C-alpha atoms as a PDB file:
ATOM      1  CA  UNK A   1       0.829  72.380  -2.062  1.00  0.00           C
ATOM      2  CA  UNK A   2      -2.616  71.275  -0.975  1.00  0.00           C
ATOM      3  CA  UNK A   3      -5.146  70.138  -3.354  1.00  0.00           C
ATOM      4  CA  UNK A   4      -9.018  70.558  -2.570  1.00  0.00           C
ATOM      5  CA  UNK A   5     -11.535  68.736  -4.614  1.00  0.00           C
ATOM      6  CA  UNK A   6     -15.110  69.738  -4.939  1.00  0.00           C
ATOM      7  CA  UNK A   7     -18.154  67.290  -6.224  1.00  0.00           C
ATOM      8  CA  UNK A   8     -15.945  64.205  -6.296  1.00  0.00           C
ATOM      9  CA  UNK A   9     -17.258  60.945  -7.629  1.00  0.00           C
ATOM     10  CA  UNK A  10     -15.635  57.845  -8.497  1.00  0.00           C
ATOM     11  CA  UNK A  11     -14.906  59.342 -12.207  1.00  0.00           C
ATOM     12  CA  UNK A  12     -14.171  62.871 -11.594  1.00  0.00           C
ATOM     13  CA  UNK A  13     -14.479  66.018  -9.296  1.00  0.00           C
ATOM     14  CA  UNK A  14     -16.531  68.968 -10.484  1.00  0.00           C
ATOM     15  CA  UNK A  15     -13.705  71.099  -9.399  1.00  0.00           C
ATOM     16  CA  UNK A  16     -10.081  70.930  -8.394  1.00  0.00           C
ATOM     17  CA  UNK A  17      -8.191  73.726  -6.441  1.00  0.00           C
ATOM     18  CA  UNK A  18      -4.399  73.588  -6.541  1.00  0.00           C
ATOM     19  CA  UNK A  19      -2.588  76.741  -5.348  1.00  0.00           C
ATOM     20  CA  UNK A  20      -4.134  79.993  -6.591  1.00  0.00           C
ATOM     21  CA  UNK A  21      -5.982  77.996  -9.534  1.00  0.00           C
ATOM     22  CA  UNK A  22      -9.219  76.476  -9.722  1.00  0.00           C
ATOM     23  CA  UNK A  23     -10.068  73.826 -12.526  1.00  0.00           C
ATOM     24  CA  UNK A  24     -13.554  73.222 -13.426  1.00  0.00           C
ATOM     25  CA  UNK A  25     -14.968  69.894 -15.218  1.00  0.00           C
ATOM     26  CA  UNK A  26     -17.095  70.543 -18.446  1.00  0.00           C
ATOM     27  CA  UNK A  27     -20.375  71.634 -17.384  1.00  0.00           C
ATOM     28  CA  UNK A  28     -23.171  70.550 -19.677  1.00  0.00           C
ATOM     29  CA  UNK A  29     -27.242  70.917 -18.933  1.00  0.00           C
ATOM     30  CA  UNK A  30     -29.954  68.903 -20.157  1.00  0.00           C
ATOM     31  CA  UNK A  31     -32.566  72.066 -20.348  1.00  0.00           C
ATOM     32  CA  UNK A  32     -34.141  72.556 -23.614  1.00  0.00           C
ATOM     33  CA  UNK A  33     -32.338  74.535 -26.233  1.00  0.00           C
ATOM     34  CA  UNK A  34     -29.013  75.974 -26.604  1.00  0.00           C
ATOM     35  CA  UNK A  35     -29.716  79.242 -24.904  1.00  0.00           C
ATOM     36  CA  UNK A  36     -31.209  77.790 -21.856  1.00  0.00           C
ATOM     37  CA  UNK A  37     -28.256  75.043 -21.653  1.00  0.00           C
ATOM     38  CA  UNK A  38     -25.759  78.028 -21.672  1.00  0.00           C
ATOM     39  CA  UNK A  39     -27.598  80.208 -18.933  1.00  0.00           C
ATOM     40  CA  UNK A  40     -27.892  77.123 -16.722  1.00  0.00           C
ATOM     41  CA  UNK A  41     -23.956  75.991 -17.315  1.00  0.00           C
ATOM     42  CA  UNK A  42     -22.954  79.704 -16.723  1.00  0.00           C
ATOM     43  CA  UNK A  43     -25.200  79.432 -13.412  1.00  0.00           C
ATOM     44  CA  UNK A  44     -23.543  76.233 -12.319  1.00  0.00           C
ATOM     45  CA  UNK A  45     -19.894  77.384 -12.999  1.00  0.00           C
ATOM     46  CA  UNK A  46     -20.878  80.625 -10.987  1.00  0.00           C
ATOM     47  CA  UNK A  47     -21.841  78.307  -8.070  1.00  0.00           C
ATOM     48  CA  UNK A  48     -18.800  76.125  -8.566  1.00  0.00           C
ATOM     49  CA  UNK A  49     -16.770  79.107  -8.458  1.00  0.00           C
ATOM     50  CA  UNK A  50     -18.205  80.546  -5.391  1.00  0.00           C
ATOM     51  CA  UNK A  51     -17.783  77.161  -3.655  1.00  0.00           C
ATOM     52  CA  UNK A  52     -14.020  76.992  -4.387  1.00  0.00           C
ATOM     53  CA  UNK A  53     -13.200  80.507  -3.672  1.00  0.00           C
ATOM     54  CA  UNK A  54     -13.469  82.481  -7.093  1.00  0.00           C
ATOM     55  CA  UNK A  55     -15.921  84.086  -9.425  1.00  0.00           C
ATOM     56  CA  UNK A  56     -16.418  84.721 -13.119  1.00  0.00           C
ATOM     57  CA  UNK A  57     -14.011  87.919 -12.582  1.00  0.00           C
ATOM     58  CA  UNK A  58     -11.102  85.824 -12.225  1.00  0.00           C
ATOM     59  CA  UNK A  59     -11.241  83.435 -15.265  1.00  0.00           C
ATOM     60  CA  UNK A  60      -8.134  82.525 -17.049  1.00  0.00           C
ATOM     61  CA  UNK A  61      -9.189  80.202 -19.489  1.00  0.00           C
ATOM     62  CA  UNK A  62     -12.468  78.895 -20.990  1.00  0.00           C
ATOM     63  CA  UNK A  63     -13.257  75.788 -23.613  1.00  0.00           C
ATOM     64  CA  UNK A  64     -16.735  75.895 -25.212  1.00  0.00           C
ATOM     65  CA  UNK A  65     -17.781  72.785 -27.077  1.00  0.00           C
ATOM     66  CA  UNK A  66     -20.663  72.935 -29.311  1.00  0.00           C
ATOM     67  CA  UNK A  67     -23.006  70.257 -30.815  1.00  0.00           C
ATOM     68  CA  UNK A  68     -23.400  72.305 -33.842  1.00  0.00           C
ATOM     69  CA  UNK A  69     -21.325  75.411 -34.368  1.00  0.00           C
ATOM     70  CA  UNK A  70     -24.405  77.096 -36.043  1.00  0.00           C
ATOM     71  CA  UNK A  71     -25.257  77.687 -32.207  1.00  0.00           C
ATOM     72  CA  UNK A  72     -22.067  79.996 -32.170  1.00  0.00           C
ATOM     73  CA  UNK A  73     -23.891  83.546 -31.791  1.00  0.00           C
ATOM     74  CA  UNK A  74     -26.609  82.475 -29.612  1.00  0.00           C
ATOM     75  CA  UNK A  75     -24.054  81.035 -26.958  1.00  0.00           C
ATOM     76  CA  UNK A  76     -21.754  84.050 -27.615  1.00  0.00           C
ATOM     77  CA  UNK A  77     -24.960  86.212 -26.727  1.00  0.00           C
ATOM     78  CA  UNK A  78     -25.372  84.729 -23.367  1.00  0.00           C
ATOM     79  CA  UNK A  79     -21.339  84.487 -22.810  1.00  0.00           C
ATOM     80  CA  UNK A  80     -20.776  87.904 -23.292  1.00  0.00           C
ATOM     81  CA  UNK A  81     -23.286  89.381 -21.260  1.00  0.00           C
ATOM     82  CA  UNK A  82     -22.198  86.965 -18.366  1.00  0.00           C
ATOM     83  CA  UNK A  83     -18.101  87.751 -18.650  1.00  0.00           C
ATOM     84  CA  UNK A  84     -17.659  90.949 -16.723  1.00  0.00           C
ATOM     85  CA  UNK A  85     -16.623  93.919 -18.616  1.00  0.00           C
ATOM     86  CA  UNK A  86     -12.716  93.852 -19.291  1.00  0.00           C
ATOM     87  CA  UNK A  87     -12.153  90.318 -17.752  1.00  0.00           C
ATOM     88  CA  UNK A  88     -12.903  88.054 -20.768  1.00  0.00           C
ATOM     89  CA  UNK A  89     -10.308  84.906 -20.464  1.00  0.00           C
ATOM     90  CA  UNK A  90      -8.456  83.303 -23.404  1.00  0.00           C
ATOM     91  CA  UNK A  91     -11.071  81.052 -24.952  1.00  0.00           C
ATOM     92  CA  UNK A  92     -11.516  78.425 -27.602  1.00  0.00           C
ATOM     93  CA  UNK A  93     -14.641  77.290 -28.707  1.00  0.00           C
ATOM     94  CA  UNK A  94     -15.393  74.467 -31.217  1.00  0.00           C
ATOM     95  CA  UNK A  95     -17.778  71.800 -32.929  1.00  0.00           C
ATOM     96  CA  UNK A  96     -17.449  68.512 -31.070  1.00  0.00           C
ATOM     97  CA  UNK A  97     -19.776  65.550 -30.790  1.00  0.00           C
ATOM     98  CA  UNK A  98     -21.040  65.685 -27.249  1.00  0.00           C
ATOM     99  CA  UNK A  99     -21.484  62.835 -24.784  1.00  0.00           C
ATOM    100  CA  UNK A 100     -25.215  62.471 -25.277  1.00  0.00           C
ATOM    101  CA  UNK A 101     -27.550  63.926 -27.626  1.00  0.00           C
ATOM    102  CA  UNK A 102     -29.608  66.029 -25.492  1.00  0.00           C
ATOM    103  CA  UNK A 103     -26.258  68.536 -24.895  1.00  0.00           C
ATOM    104  CA  UNK A 104     -25.922  71.084 -27.152  1.00  0.00           C
ATOM    105  CA  UNK A 105     -23.103  73.069 -25.396  1.00  0.00           C
ATOM    106  CA  UNK A 106     -20.459  72.163 -22.760  1.00  0.00           C
ATOM    107  CA  UNK A 107     -18.147  74.670 -20.886  1.00  0.00           C
ATOM    108  CA  UNK A 108     -15.058  74.236 -19.144  1.00  0.00           C
ATOM    109  CA  UNK A 109     -13.284  76.822 -17.015  1.00  0.00           C
ATOM    110  CA  UNK A 110     -10.151  77.630 -15.284  1.00  0.00           C
ATOM    111  CA  UNK A 111      -9.723  80.457 -12.576  1.00  0.00           C
ATOM    112  CA  UNK A 112      -7.825  81.897 -10.231  1.00  0.00           C
ATOM    113  CA  UNK A 113      -8.876  82.086  -6.681  1.00  0.00           C
ATOM    114  CA  UNK A 114      -9.951  85.567  -5.219  1.00  0.00           C
ATOM    115  CA  UNK A 115      -7.176  87.573  -3.388  1.00  0.00           C
ATOM    116  CA  UNK A 116      -7.664  88.170   0.212  1.00  0.00           C
END
């Protein structure tokens, strides 16, 4: 099977498509505050999914890492409005130390390619 990579650098790719599945790297934002970061991350995910032949209705799995679990409700409010009704993926959300102090949330997803 053919592997297609998007946004590839020496260290990583932003997205990798293999077969009918698309794997996105964890997305972060340096916007001010967890709500702004979450919105920007989800917009980045939308763009990466579109570029690789999918969209948020095709999510299979999501992992959310929060620098502070106290942000859980704020992130979920934005997440719940973003995921199309009836298409929620399997999901994990954990508190974790992120790669930089400015990061409040990181989100990684796996999605299916759109059916043609």
